[in-house]
PDB file of N, CA and C in Angstrom:
ATOM      1  N   MET A   1     -20.668   3.188 -47.282  1.00  0.00           N
ATOM      2  CA  MET A   1     -19.635   4.023 -46.745  1.00  0.00           C
ATOM      3  C   MET A   1     -19.397   1.957 -45.288  1.00  0.00           C
ATOM      4  N   GLU A   2     -17.566   2.674 -45.178  1.00  0.00           N
ATOM      5  CA  GLU A   2     -16.983   1.825 -44.305  1.00  0.00           C
ATOM      6  C   GLU A   2     -17.189   2.015 -42.806  1.00  0.00           C
ATOM      7  N   LYS A   3     -17.529   1.070 -42.438  1.00  0.00           N
ATOM      8  CA  LYS A   3     -17.817   1.736 -40.734  1.00  0.00           C
ATOM      9  C   LYS A   3     -16.423   1.736 -39.539  1.00  0.00           C
ATOM     10  N   LYS A   4     -15.357   1.877 -38.777  1.00  0.00           N
ATOM     11  CA  LYS A   4     -14.799   1.598 -37.886  1.00  0.00           C
ATOM     12  C   LYS A   4     -14.771   1.068 -36.400  1.00  0.00           C
ATOM     13  N   ARG A   5     -14.231   1.021 -35.782  1.00  0.00           N
ATOM     14  CA  ARG A   5     -14.564   0.691 -34.418  1.00  0.00           C
ATOM     15  C   ARG A   5     -13.016   1.381 -33.872  1.00  0.00           C
ATOM     16  N   ASP A   6     -13.216   2.529 -32.946  1.00  0.00           N
ATOM     17  CA  ASP A   6     -12.313   2.357 -31.989  1.00  0.00           C
ATOM     18  C   ASP A   6     -12.248   2.319 -30.590  1.00  0.00           C
ATOM     19  N   VAL A   7     -10.926   3.155 -29.602  1.00  0.00           N
ATOM     20  CA  VAL A   7     -10.841   2.822 -28.511  1.00  0.00           C
ATOM     21  C   VAL A   7     -10.166   3.720 -27.819  1.00  0.00           C
ATOM     22  N   GLY A   8     -10.910   4.605 -26.899  1.00  0.00           N
ATOM     23  CA  GLY A   8     -10.032   5.928 -26.833  1.00  0.00           C
ATOM     24  C   GLY A   8     -10.357   5.451 -25.205  1.00  0.00           C
ATOM     25  N   VAL A   9      -9.338   6.186 -24.056  1.00  0.00           N
ATOM     26  CA  VAL A   9      -9.864   6.294 -23.132  1.00  0.00           C
ATOM     27  C   VAL A   9     -10.331   6.800 -22.203  1.00  0.00           C
ATOM     28  N   GLY A  10     -11.512   6.022 -21.455  1.00  0.00           N
ATOM     29  CA  GLY A  10     -12.550   6.531 -20.751  1.00  0.00           C
ATOM     30  C   GLY A  10     -13.680   6.875 -22.246  1.00  0.00           C
ATOM     31  N   ALA A  11     -13.705   6.138 -23.167  1.00  0.00           N
ATOM     32  CA  ALA A  11     -14.863   6.682 -24.246  1.00  0.00           C
ATOM     33  C   ALA A  11     -15.364   4.791 -24.169  1.00  0.00           C
ATOM     34  N   ALA A  12     -16.350   5.091 -24.577  1.00  0.00           N
ATOM     35  CA  ALA A  12     -16.363   3.535 -25.336  1.00  0.00           C
ATOM     36  C   ALA A  12     -16.378   3.055 -26.895  1.00  0.00           C
ATOM     37  N   LEU A  13     -16.878   1.484 -27.413  1.00  0.00           N
ATOM     38  CA  LEU A  13     -16.075   1.315 -27.863  1.00  0.00           C
ATOM     39  C   LEU A  13     -17.730   1.867 -29.337  1.00  0.00           C
ATOM     40  N   VAL A  14     -17.328   2.445 -30.303  1.00  0.00           N
ATOM     41  CA  VAL A  14     -18.124   3.168 -30.639  1.00  0.00           C
ATOM     42  C   VAL A  14     -18.100   3.311 -32.761  1.00  0.00           C
ATOM     43  N   ASP A  15     -19.080   2.622 -33.580  1.00  0.00           N
ATOM     44  CA  ASP A  15     -18.936   2.839 -34.807  1.00  0.00           C
ATOM     45  C   ASP A  15     -18.560   4.195 -35.003  1.00  0.00           C
ATOM     46  N   HIS A  16     -18.779   4.826 -36.550  1.00  0.00           N
ATOM     47  CA  HIS A  16     -18.046   5.676 -36.678  1.00  0.00           C
ATOM     48  C   HIS A  16     -17.969   6.055 -38.040  1.00  0.00           C
ATOM     49  N   ASP A  17     -17.903   6.888 -39.075  1.00  0.00           N
ATOM     50  CA  ASP A  17     -17.962   7.043 -40.476  1.00  0.00           C
ATOM     51  C   ASP A  17     -16.292   7.615 -40.915  1.00  0.00           C
ATOM     52  N   ASP A  18     -15.772   7.126 -42.050  1.00  0.00           N
ATOM     53  CA  ASP A  18     -14.655   7.554 -42.616  1.00  0.00           C
ATOM     54  C   ASP A  18     -14.953   9.114 -42.575  1.00  0.00           C
ATOM     55  N   GLU A  19     -15.945  10.094 -42.660  1.00  0.00           N
ATOM     56  CA  GLU A  19     -16.084  11.248 -43.187  1.00  0.00           C
ATOM     57  C   GLU A  19     -15.931  11.906 -42.159  1.00  0.00           C
ATOM     58  N   ASN A  20     -16.359  11.544 -41.584  1.00  0.00           N
ATOM     59  CA  ASN A  20     -16.610  12.427 -39.792  1.00  0.00           C
ATOM     60  C   ASN A  20     -15.742  12.014 -39.281  1.00  0.00           C
ATOM     61  N   GLU A  21     -15.290  10.534 -38.481  1.00  0.00           N
ATOM     62  CA  GLU A  21     -13.997  10.378 -37.488  1.00  0.00           C
ATOM     63  C   GLU A  21     -14.421  11.140 -36.612  1.00  0.00           C
ATOM     64  N   SER A  22     -16.045  11.166 -36.110  1.00  0.00           N
ATOM     65  CA  SER A  22     -15.779  12.267 -34.208  1.00  0.00           C
ATOM     66  C   SER A  22     -16.320  10.829 -33.677  1.00  0.00           C
ATOM     67  N   LEU A  23     -15.882  10.259 -32.559  1.00  0.00           N
ATOM     68  CA  LEU A  23     -15.712   9.716 -31.767  1.00  0.00           C
ATOM     69  C   LEU A  23     -16.661   9.872 -30.042  1.00  0.00           C
ATOM     70  N   VAL A  24     -17.710   9.200 -30.352  1.00  0.00           N
ATOM     71  CA  VAL A  24     -18.802   9.858 -29.556  1.00  0.00           C
ATOM     72  C   VAL A  24     -18.888   9.057 -27.887  1.00  0.00           C
ATOM     73  N   GLN A  25     -18.608   9.762 -26.467  1.00  0.00           N
ATOM     74  CA  GLN A  25     -18.378   8.526 -25.396  1.00  0.00           C
ATOM     75  C   GLN A  25     -19.347   8.857 -24.753  1.00  0.00           C
ATOM     76  N   ASP A  26     -19.241   7.722 -24.525  1.00  0.00           N
ATOM     77  CA  ASP A  26     -20.812   6.675 -22.926  1.00  0.00           C
ATOM     78  C   ASP A  26     -21.073   7.908 -22.624  1.00  0.00           C
ATOM     79  N   ARG A  27     -20.240   8.569 -22.064  1.00  0.00           N
ATOM     80  CA  ARG A  27     -21.107   9.908 -21.239  1.00  0.00           C
ATOM     81  C   ARG A  27     -19.879  10.683 -20.402  1.00  0.00           C
ATOM     82  N   SER A  28     -20.717  11.687 -20.699  1.00  0.00           N
ATOM     83  CA  SER A  28     -20.282  13.292 -20.886  1.00  0.00           C
ATOM     84  C   SER A  28     -19.243  13.171 -19.210  1.00  0.00           C
ATOM     85  N   ARG A  29     -17.920  14.239 -19.273  1.00  0.00           N
ATOM     86  CA  ARG A  29     -17.451  14.246 -18.220  1.00  0.00           C
ATOM     87  C   ARG A  29     -17.685  14.486 -16.970  1.00  0.00           C
ATOM     88  N   GLU A  30     -18.863  15.314 -17.358  1.00  0.00           N
ATOM     89  CA  GLU A  30     -19.835  16.033 -15.562  1.00  0.00           C
ATOM     90  C   GLU A  30     -20.478  14.086 -14.753  1.00  0.00           C
ATOM     91  N   GLU A  31     -20.489  13.097 -16.033  1.00  0.00           N
ATOM     92  CA  GLU A  31     -21.447  12.458 -15.382  1.00  0.00           C
ATOM     93  C   GLU A  31     -20.285  10.971 -14.473  1.00  0.00           C
ATOM     94  N   ARG A  32     -19.297  10.900 -15.699  1.00  0.00           N
ATOM     95  CA  ARG A  32     -18.112  10.535 -15.297  1.00  0.00           C
ATOM     96  C   ARG A  32     -17.442  11.060 -13.738  1.00  0.00           C
ATOM     97  N   HIS A  33     -17.547  11.952 -13.893  1.00  0.00           N
ATOM     98  CA  HIS A  33     -16.627  12.392 -12.148  1.00  0.00           C
ATOM     99  C   HIS A  33     -17.728  13.040 -11.368  1.00  0.00           C
ATOM    100  N   ALA A  34     -18.832  12.475 -11.691  1.00  0.00           N
ATOM    101  CA  ALA A  34     -19.567  12.899 -10.349  1.00  0.00           C
ATOM    102  C   ALA A  34     -20.378  12.234 -10.003  1.00  0.00           C
ATOM    103  N   ALA A  35     -20.418  12.457  -8.254  1.00  0.00           N
ATOM    104  CA  ALA A  35     -20.730  11.216  -7.576  1.00  0.00           C
ATOM    105  C   ALA A  35     -21.506  11.586  -6.149  1.00  0.00           C
ATOM    106  N   PRO A  36     -22.595  11.196  -6.499  1.00  0.00           N
ATOM    107  CA  PRO A  36     -23.088  11.221  -5.183  1.00  0.00           C
ATOM    108  C   PRO A  36     -23.024  11.442  -3.460  1.00  0.00           C
ATOM    109  N   ALA A  37     -22.835  12.490  -2.937  1.00  0.00           N
ATOM    110  CA  ALA A  37     -22.045  12.307  -1.700  1.00  0.00           C
ATOM    111  C   ALA A  37     -21.940  11.283  -0.643  1.00  0.00           C
ATOM    112  N   GLU A  38     -23.117  10.357  -1.094  1.00  0.00           N
ATOM    113  CA  GLU A  38     -22.308   8.762   0.272  1.00  0.00           C
ATOM    114  C   GLU A  38     -21.859   7.856  -0.098  1.00  0.00           C
ATOM    115  N   GLU A  39     -21.154   8.226  -1.743  1.00  0.00           N
ATOM    116  CA  GLU A  39     -20.522   7.474  -2.155  1.00  0.00           C
ATOM    117  C   GLU A  39     -18.366   7.896  -2.490  1.00  0.00           C
ATOM    118  N   LYS A  40     -19.032   8.826  -2.178  1.00  0.00           N
ATOM    119  CA  LYS A  40     -17.505  10.111  -1.687  1.00  0.00           C
ATOM    120  C   LYS A  40     -17.208   9.490  -0.366  1.00  0.00           C
ATOM    121  N   ARG A  41     -17.435   8.849   0.200  1.00  0.00           N
ATOM    122  CA  ARG A  41     -16.784   8.622   1.545  1.00  0.00           C
ATOM    123  C   ARG A  41     -15.924   7.639   1.605  1.00  0.00           C
ATOM    124  N   HIS A  42     -14.752   7.773   2.437  1.00  0.00           N
ATOM    125  CA  HIS A  42     -13.820   6.494   2.856  1.00  0.00           C
ATOM    126  C   HIS A  42     -14.340   6.147   3.672  1.00  0.00           C
ATOM    127  N   GLU A  43     -13.954   4.472   3.140  1.00  0.00           N
ATOM    128  CA  GLU A  43     -13.542   3.693   4.026  1.00  0.00           C
ATOM    129  C   GLU A  43     -13.117   4.311   5.501  1.00  0.00           C
ATOM    130  N   PRO A  44     -13.107   3.321   6.798  1.00  0.00           N
ATOM    131  CA  PRO A  44     -12.448   4.401   8.038  1.00  0.00           C
ATOM    132  C   PRO A  44     -10.411   3.235   7.559  1.00  0.00           C
ATOM    133  N   ARG A  45      -9.538   3.955   8.279  1.00  0.00           N
ATOM    134  CA  ARG A  45      -8.362   3.421   8.148  1.00  0.00           C
ATOM    135  C   ARG A  45      -8.502   2.494   8.869  1.00  0.00           C
ATOM    136  N   PRO A  46      -7.559   1.100   9.017  1.00  0.00           N
ATOM    137  CA  PRO A  46      -7.799   0.106   9.469  1.00  0.00           C
ATOM    138  C   PRO A  46      -7.084   0.147  10.644  1.00  0.00           C
ATOM    139  N   LYS A  47      -7.265  -0.340  11.554  1.00  0.00           N
ATOM    140  CA  LYS A  47      -6.784   0.333  13.487  1.00  0.00           C
ATOM    141  C   LYS A  47      -5.448  -0.609  13.606  1.00  0.00           C
ATOM    142  N   ARG A  48      -4.695   0.527  13.969  1.00  0.00           N
ATOM    143  CA  ARG A  48      -3.212   0.249  13.953  1.00  0.00           C
ATOM    144  C   ARG A  48      -3.203  -0.883  15.350  1.00  0.00           C
ATOM    145  N   ARG A  49      -2.108  -1.641  15.258  1.00  0.00           N
ATOM    146  CA  ARG A  49      -1.555  -2.565  16.460  1.00  0.00           C
ATOM    147  C   ARG A  49      -1.068  -1.998  17.799  1.00  0.00           C
ATOM    148  N   LYS A  50      -0.665  -2.807  18.446  1.00  0.00           N
ATOM    149  CA  LYS A  50      -0.243  -2.200  19.265  1.00  0.00           C
ATOM    150  C   LYS A  50       1.861  -2.045  19.123  1.00  0.00           C
ATOM    151  N   ALA A  51       1.798  -1.122  19.736  1.00  0.00           N
ATOM    152  CA  ALA A  51       3.211   0.418  19.517  1.00  0.00           C
ATOM    153  C   ALA A  51       4.150  -1.734  19.914  1.00  0.00           C
ATOM    154  N   THR A  52       4.926  -1.584  19.139  1.00  0.00           N
ATOM    155  CA  THR A  52       6.753  -2.488  19.192  1.00  0.00           C
ATOM    156  C   THR A  52       7.336  -2.164  19.708  1.00  0.00           C
ATOM    157  N   ASN A  53       8.073  -2.726  20.452  1.00  0.00           N
ATOM    158  CA  ASN A  53       9.684  -1.617  20.718  1.00  0.00           C
ATOM    159  C   ASN A  53      10.074  -1.950  20.278  1.00  0.00           C
ATOM    160  N   VAL A  54       9.908  -1.827  18.383  1.00  0.00           N
ATOM    161  CA  VAL A  54      11.202  -1.872  17.498  1.00  0.00           C
ATOM    162  C   VAL A  54      11.835  -1.122  17.799  1.00  0.00           C
ATOM    163  N   ARG A  55      11.593   0.130  17.853  1.00  0.00           N
ATOM    164  CA  ARG A  55      12.411   1.129  17.547  1.00  0.00           C
ATOM    165  C   ARG A  55      12.652   1.498  19.109  1.00  0.00           C
ATOM    166  N   LYS A  56      12.682   1.619  19.690  1.00  0.00           N
ATOM    167  CA  LYS A  56      13.408   1.288  20.815  1.00  0.00           C
ATOM    168  C   LYS A  56      14.797   0.954  20.942  1.00  0.00           C
ATOM    169  N   LEU A  57      14.793  -0.839  20.261  1.00  0.00           N
ATOM    170  CA  LEU A  57      15.642  -1.912  20.591  1.00  0.00           C
ATOM    171  C   LEU A  57      16.616  -0.807  19.339  1.00  0.00           C
ATOM    172  N   ARG A  58      16.560  -0.496  18.127  1.00  0.00           N
ATOM    173  CA  ARG A  58      16.532   0.465  17.184  1.00  0.00           C
ATOM    174  C   ARG A  58      17.590   0.906  17.420  1.00  0.00           C
ATOM    175  N   LEU A  59      17.322   2.215  18.031  1.00  0.00           N
ATOM    176  CA  LEU A  59      17.305   2.936  18.749  1.00  0.00           C
ATOM    177  C   LEU A  59      19.217   2.941  19.545  1.00  0.00           C
ATOM    178  N   GLU A  60      17.990   1.993  20.909  1.00  0.00           N
ATOM    179  CA  GLU A  60      19.465   1.231  21.953  1.00  0.00           C
ATOM    180  C   GLU A  60      20.604   0.956  21.257  1.00  0.00           C
ATOM    181  N   ARG A  61      20.299   0.494  20.130  1.00  0.00           N
ATOM    182  CA  ARG A  61      21.638  -0.393  18.678  1.00  0.00           C
ATOM    183  C   ARG A  61      22.363   0.688  18.047  1.00  0.00           C
ATOM    184  N   MET A  62      21.832   2.327  18.045  1.00  0.00           N
ATOM    185  CA  MET A  62      22.426   3.337  16.971  1.00  0.00           C
ATOM    186  C   MET A  62      22.330   2.892  15.786  1.00  0.00           C
ATOM    187  N   MET A  63      21.262   2.123  15.156  1.00  0.00           N
ATOM    188  CA  MET A  63      20.686   2.030  14.647  1.00  0.00           C
ATOM    189  C   MET A  63      20.046   2.796  13.014  1.00  0.00           C
ATOM    190  N   SER A  64      20.094   3.174  12.261  1.00  0.00           N
ATOM    191  CA  SER A  64      18.992   4.041  11.412  1.00  0.00           C
ATOM    192  C   SER A  64      18.098   3.436  10.755  1.00  0.00           C
ATOM    193  N   LYS A  65      16.809   3.919  10.660  1.00  0.00           N
ATOM    194  CA  LYS A  65      16.665   2.459   9.790  1.00  0.00           C
ATOM    195  C   LYS A  65      16.801   2.038   8.174  1.00  0.00           C
ATOM    196  N   ALA A  66      17.547   2.847   7.599  1.00  0.00           N
ATOM    197  CA  ALA A  66      18.510   2.302   6.541  1.00  0.00           C
ATOM    198  C   ALA A  66      19.064   1.302   6.849  1.00  0.00           C
ATOM    199  N   GLU A  67      19.771   1.288   8.115  1.00  0.00           N
ATOM    200  CA  GLU A  67      20.803   0.369   7.955  1.00  0.00           C
ATOM    201  C   GLU A  67      19.990  -0.982   8.523  1.00  0.00           C
ATOM    202  N   MET A  68      18.903  -1.097   9.505  1.00  0.00           N
ATOM    203  CA  MET A  68      18.212  -2.284   9.979  1.00  0.00           C
ATOM    204  C   MET A  68      17.455  -2.495   8.369  1.00  0.00           C
ATOM    205  N   ALA A  69      16.984  -1.867   8.071  1.00  0.00           N
ATOM    206  CA  ALA A  69      15.859  -1.981   6.486  1.00  0.00           C
ATOM    207  C   ALA A  69      17.437  -3.031   5.870  1.00  0.00           C
ATOM    208  N   ARG A  70      18.869  -2.449   5.263  1.00  0.00           N
ATOM    209  CA  ARG A  70      19.887  -3.623   4.970  1.00  0.00           C
ATOM    210  C   ARG A  70      20.035  -4.944   5.811  1.00  0.00           C
ATOM    211  N   ARG A  71      19.492  -5.355   6.924  1.00  0.00           N
ATOM    212  CA  ARG A  71      20.019  -6.051   7.417  1.00  0.00           C
ATOM    213  C   ARG A  71      19.033  -7.027   7.520  1.00  0.00           C
ATOM    214  N   ALA A  72      18.296  -6.613   7.529  1.00  0.00           N
ATOM    215  CA  ALA A  72      16.713  -7.590   7.721  1.00  0.00           C
ATOM    216  C   ALA A  72      16.815  -7.661   6.551  1.00  0.00           C
ATOM    217  N   ASN A  73      17.102  -7.087   4.885  1.00  0.00           N
ATOM    218  CA  ASN A  73      16.587  -7.445   3.780  1.00  0.00           C
ATOM    219  C   ASN A  73      14.591  -6.890   3.530  1.00  0.00           C
ATOM    220  N   LEU A  74      14.776  -5.591   3.778  1.00  0.00           N
ATOM    221  CA  LEU A  74      13.850  -4.970   4.335  1.00  0.00           C
ATOM    222  C   LEU A  74      13.650  -4.496   3.601  1.00  0.00           C
ATOM    223  N   SER A  75      12.286  -3.421   3.520  1.00  0.00           N
ATOM    224  CA  SER A  75      12.419  -2.351   2.913  1.00  0.00           C
ATOM    225  C   SER A  75      12.217  -1.553   3.833  1.00  0.00           C
ATOM    226  N   VAL A  76      13.218   0.236   4.312  1.00  0.00           N
ATOM    227  CA  VAL A  76      12.944   1.669   5.270  1.00  0.00           C
ATOM    228  C   VAL A  76      11.148   1.254   5.401  1.00  0.00           C
ATOM    229  N   LEU A  77      10.351   1.479   3.994  1.00  0.00           N
ATOM    230  CA  LEU A  77       8.963   1.436   4.754  1.00  0.00           C
ATOM    231  C   LEU A  77       8.457   0.175   5.738  1.00  0.00           C
ATOM    232  N   THR A  78       8.718  -1.014   5.029  1.00  0.00           N
ATOM    233  CA  THR A  78       7.901  -1.995   6.550  1.00  0.00           C
ATOM    234  C   THR A  78       8.905  -1.393   7.788  1.00  0.00           C
ATOM    235  N   ILE A  79       9.289  -1.378   7.851  1.00  0.00           N
ATOM    236  CA  ILE A  79      10.409  -0.989   8.765  1.00  0.00           C
ATOM    237  C   ILE A  79       9.196  -0.161   9.792  1.00  0.00           C
ATOM    238  N   ASP A  80       8.968   1.092   9.289  1.00  0.00           N
ATOM    239  CA  ASP A  80       8.442   2.441   9.698  1.00  0.00           C
ATOM    240  C   ASP A  80       7.172   1.728   9.748  1.00  0.00           C
ATOM    241  N   ARG A  81       6.794   0.859   9.350  1.00  0.00           N
ATOM    242  CA  ARG A  81       5.095   0.941   9.120  1.00  0.00           C
ATOM    243  C   ARG A  81       5.270  -0.131  10.873  1.00  0.00           C
ATOM    244  N   ILE A  82       6.480  -1.400  11.038  1.00  0.00           N
ATOM    245  CA  ILE A  82       6.610  -2.183  11.548  1.00  0.00           C
ATOM    246  C   ILE A  82       6.523  -1.679  13.370  1.00  0.00           C
ATOM    247  N   GLU A  83       7.295  -0.172  13.078  1.00  0.00           N
ATOM    248  CA  GLU A  83       7.145   0.561  13.892  1.00  0.00           C
ATOM    249  C   GLU A  83       5.862   1.406  14.447  1.00  0.00           C
ATOM    250  N   LYS A  84       5.198   2.225  14.116  1.00  0.00           N
ATOM    251  CA  LYS A  84       3.932   2.940  13.554  1.00  0.00           C
ATOM    252  C   LYS A  84       3.306   1.611  14.367  1.00  0.00           C
ATOM    253  N   GLY A  85       3.469   0.576  14.973  1.00  0.00           N
ATOM    254  CA  GLY A  85       2.005  -0.724  15.116  1.00  0.00           C
ATOM    255  C   GLY A  85       1.455  -1.815  14.111  1.00  0.00           C
ATOM    256  N   TYR A  86       1.561  -1.388  12.676  1.00  0.00           N
ATOM    257  CA  TYR A  86       1.145  -1.954  11.812  1.00  0.00           C
ATOM    258  C   TYR A  86       1.731  -3.618  12.032  1.00  0.00           C
ATOM    259  N   GLY A  87       1.262  -4.397  12.052  1.00  0.00           N
ATOM    260  CA  GLY A  87       1.272  -5.987  12.106  1.00  0.00           C
ATOM    261  C   GLY A  87       2.423  -5.984  10.598  1.00  0.00           C
ATOM    262  N   CYS A  88       2.465  -7.259  10.489  1.00  0.00           N
ATOM    263  CA  CYS A  88       3.292  -8.293   9.763  1.00  0.00           C
ATOM    264  C   CYS A  88       3.958  -9.308   9.592  1.00  0.00           C
ATOM    265  N   ARG A  89       4.303 -10.623   9.299  1.00  0.00           N
ATOM    266  CA  ARG A  89       4.302 -11.562   8.717  1.00  0.00           C
ATOM    267  C   ARG A  89       5.278 -11.770   9.715  1.00  0.00           C
ATOM    268  N   MET A  90       5.264 -13.376  10.102  1.00  0.00           N
ATOM    269  CA  MET A  90       6.175 -14.029  10.869  1.00  0.00           C
ATOM    270  C   MET A  90       7.691 -13.870  10.641  1.00  0.00           C
ATOM    271  N   ASP A  91       8.340 -14.370   9.095  1.00  0.00           N
ATOM    272  CA  ASP A  91       9.359 -14.126   8.649  1.00  0.00           C
ATOM    273  C   ASP A  91       9.621 -12.371   8.992  1.00  0.00           C
ATOM    274  N   THR A  92       8.934 -11.633   8.325  1.00  0.00           N
ATOM    275  CA  THR A  92       8.878  -9.961   8.610  1.00  0.00           C
ATOM    276  C   THR A  92       9.880  -9.547  10.108  1.00  0.00           C
ATOM    277  N   LYS A  93       9.513 -11.126  11.028  1.00  0.00           N
ATOM    278  CA  LYS A  93       9.233 -10.410  12.315  1.00  0.00           C
ATOM    279  C   LYS A  93      10.874 -11.128  12.560  1.00  0.00           C
ATOM    280  N   ARG A  94      10.764 -12.290  12.275  1.00  0.00           N
ATOM    281  CA  ARG A  94      11.855 -13.137  12.419  1.00  0.00           C
ATOM    282  C   ARG A  94      13.389 -12.492  11.793  1.00  0.00           C
ATOM    283  N   LYS A  95      12.722 -11.467  10.846  1.00  0.00           N
ATOM    284  CA  LYS A  95      14.414 -10.825  10.055  1.00  0.00           C
ATOM    285  C   LYS A  95      14.701  -9.644  10.987  1.00  0.00           C
ATOM    286  N   ILE A  96      13.686  -9.341  11.608  1.00  0.00           N
ATOM    287  CA  ILE A  96      14.283  -7.899  12.162  1.00  0.00           C
ATOM    288  C   ILE A  96      14.542  -8.088  13.614  1.00  0.00           C
ATOM    289  N   LEU A  97      14.466  -9.987  13.777  1.00  0.00           N
ATOM    290  CA  LEU A  97      15.123 -10.382  15.606  1.00  0.00           C
ATOM    291  C   LEU A  97      16.952 -10.667  15.434  1.00  0.00           C
ATOM    292  N   GLU A  98      16.534 -11.307  13.885  1.00  0.00           N
ATOM    293  CA  GLU A  98      18.114 -11.172  13.898  1.00  0.00           C
ATOM    294  C   GLU A  98      19.143 -10.539  13.248  1.00  0.00           C
ATOM    295  N   ALA A  99      18.146  -9.236  12.557  1.00  0.00           N
ATOM    296  CA  ALA A  99      19.023  -7.632  12.442  1.00  0.00           C
ATOM    297  C   ALA A  99      19.295  -7.108  14.173  1.00  0.00           C
ATOM    298  N   LEU A 100      18.293  -7.089  14.848  1.00  0.00           N
ATOM    299  CA  LEU A 100      18.744  -6.455  16.177  1.00  0.00           C
ATOM    300  C   LEU A 100      19.429  -7.457  17.207  1.00  0.00           C
ATOM    301  N   GLY A 101      20.184  -8.439  16.016  1.00  0.00           N
ATOM    302  CA  GLY A 101      20.462  -9.402  17.128  1.00  0.00           C
ATOM    303  C   GLY A 101      19.603 -10.755  17.716  1.00  0.00           C
ATOM    304  N   LEU A 102      18.736 -10.347  18.230  1.00  0.00           N
ATOM    305  CA  LEU A 102      18.387 -11.087  18.903  1.00  0.00           C
ATOM    306  C   LEU A 102      17.119 -13.042  18.428  1.00  0.00           C
ATOM    307  N   SER A 103      17.115 -13.651  19.349  1.00  0.00           N
ATOM    308  CA  SER A 103      17.367 -14.811  19.286  1.00  0.00           C
ATOM    309  C   SER A 103      15.451 -15.159  18.773  1.00  0.00           C
ATOM    310  N   LEU A 104      14.534 -16.161  18.604  1.00  0.00           N
ATOM    311  CA  LEU A 104      13.128 -16.201  18.589  1.00  0.00           C
ATOM    312  C   LEU A 104      12.203 -16.156  20.111  1.00  0.00           C
ATOM    313  N   GLU A 105      13.336 -16.077  20.761  1.00  0.00           N
ATOM    314  CA  GLU A 105      12.219 -16.403  22.464  1.00  0.00           C
ATOM    315  C   GLU A 105      12.319 -14.849  22.972  1.00  0.00           C
ATOM    316  N   ASP A 106      12.772 -14.304  21.724  1.00  0.00           N
ATOM    317  CA  ASP A 106      12.340 -12.704  22.657  1.00  0.00           C
ATOM    318  C   ASP A 106      11.885 -12.080  21.652  1.00  0.00           C
ATOM    319  N   ARG A 107      10.932 -12.526  20.992  1.00  0.00           N
ATOM    320  CA  ARG A 107       9.762 -12.541  19.980  1.00  0.00           C
ATOM    321  C   ARG A 107       8.443 -11.127  20.728  1.00  0.00           C
ATOM    322  N   VAL A 108       8.300 -12.171  21.339  1.00  0.00           N
ATOM    323  CA  VAL A 108       7.020 -11.481  23.127  1.00  0.00           C
ATOM    324  C   VAL A 108       7.967 -10.174  23.079  1.00  0.00           C
ATOM    325  N   LYS A 109       9.008  -9.798  23.419  1.00  0.00           N
ATOM    326  CA  LYS A 109       9.170  -8.621  24.583  1.00  0.00           C
ATOM    327  C   LYS A 109       9.852  -7.443  23.431  1.00  0.00           C
ATOM    328  N   VAL A 110      10.375  -8.299  22.168  1.00  0.00           N
ATOM    329  CA  VAL A 110      10.181  -7.133  21.105  1.00  0.00           C
ATOM    330  C   VAL A 110       8.585  -6.761  20.677  1.00  0.00           C
ATOM    331  N   PHE A 111       7.996  -7.765  19.950  1.00  0.00           N
ATOM    332  CA  PHE A 111       6.944  -7.386  18.888  1.00  0.00           C
ATOM    333  C   PHE A 111       5.278  -7.247  20.655  1.00  0.00           C
ATOM    334  N   GLY A 112       5.164  -7.843  21.148  1.00  0.00           N
ATOM    335  CA  GLY A 112       4.374  -7.544  22.563  1.00  0.00           C
ATOM    336  C   GLY A 112       3.561  -8.953  22.174  1.00  0.00           C
ATOM    337  N   GLU A 113       3.587  -9.817  21.825  1.00  0.00           N
ATOM    338  CA  GLU A 113       2.901 -10.415  21.039  1.00  0.00           C
ATOM    339  C   GLU A 113       3.031 -12.075  21.318  1.00  0.00           C
ATOM    340  N   ASP A 114       2.252 -13.074  21.123  1.00  0.00           N
ATOM    341  CA  ASP A 114       2.408 -14.345  22.202  1.00  0.00           C
ATOM    342  C   ASP A 114       1.849 -14.757  20.369  1.00  0.00           C
ATOM    343  N   ASP A 115       2.769 -15.045  19.561  1.00  0.00           N
ATOM    344  CA  ASP A 115       1.569 -15.748  18.414  1.00  0.00           C
ATOM    345  C   ASP A 115       2.004 -17.763  18.457  1.00  0.00           C
TER     346      ASP A 115
END
């Protein structure tokens, strides 16, 4: 009798006979999806950083997020996250400052920190 090995999504590698072609899963569906309550707890969200003046300065220039993202060569999502106070890399800050028509010396005024 010839044995074959099968791989299925959510199934273990198992040997089966040509005759019955039945696939034996490593665990039942309930076992795979059931977890004790303590394992289902989510990690706390990372704390947001201090709000920046990016949104205020962008609106003063009557610029949309999409326009600012285009000028800075960043995504709208990145602009949104920075305006909500999430951190970013120095290169991203530089791009935002240039898109707003500001110099690197204005970094503290815009981002409220001294890197």
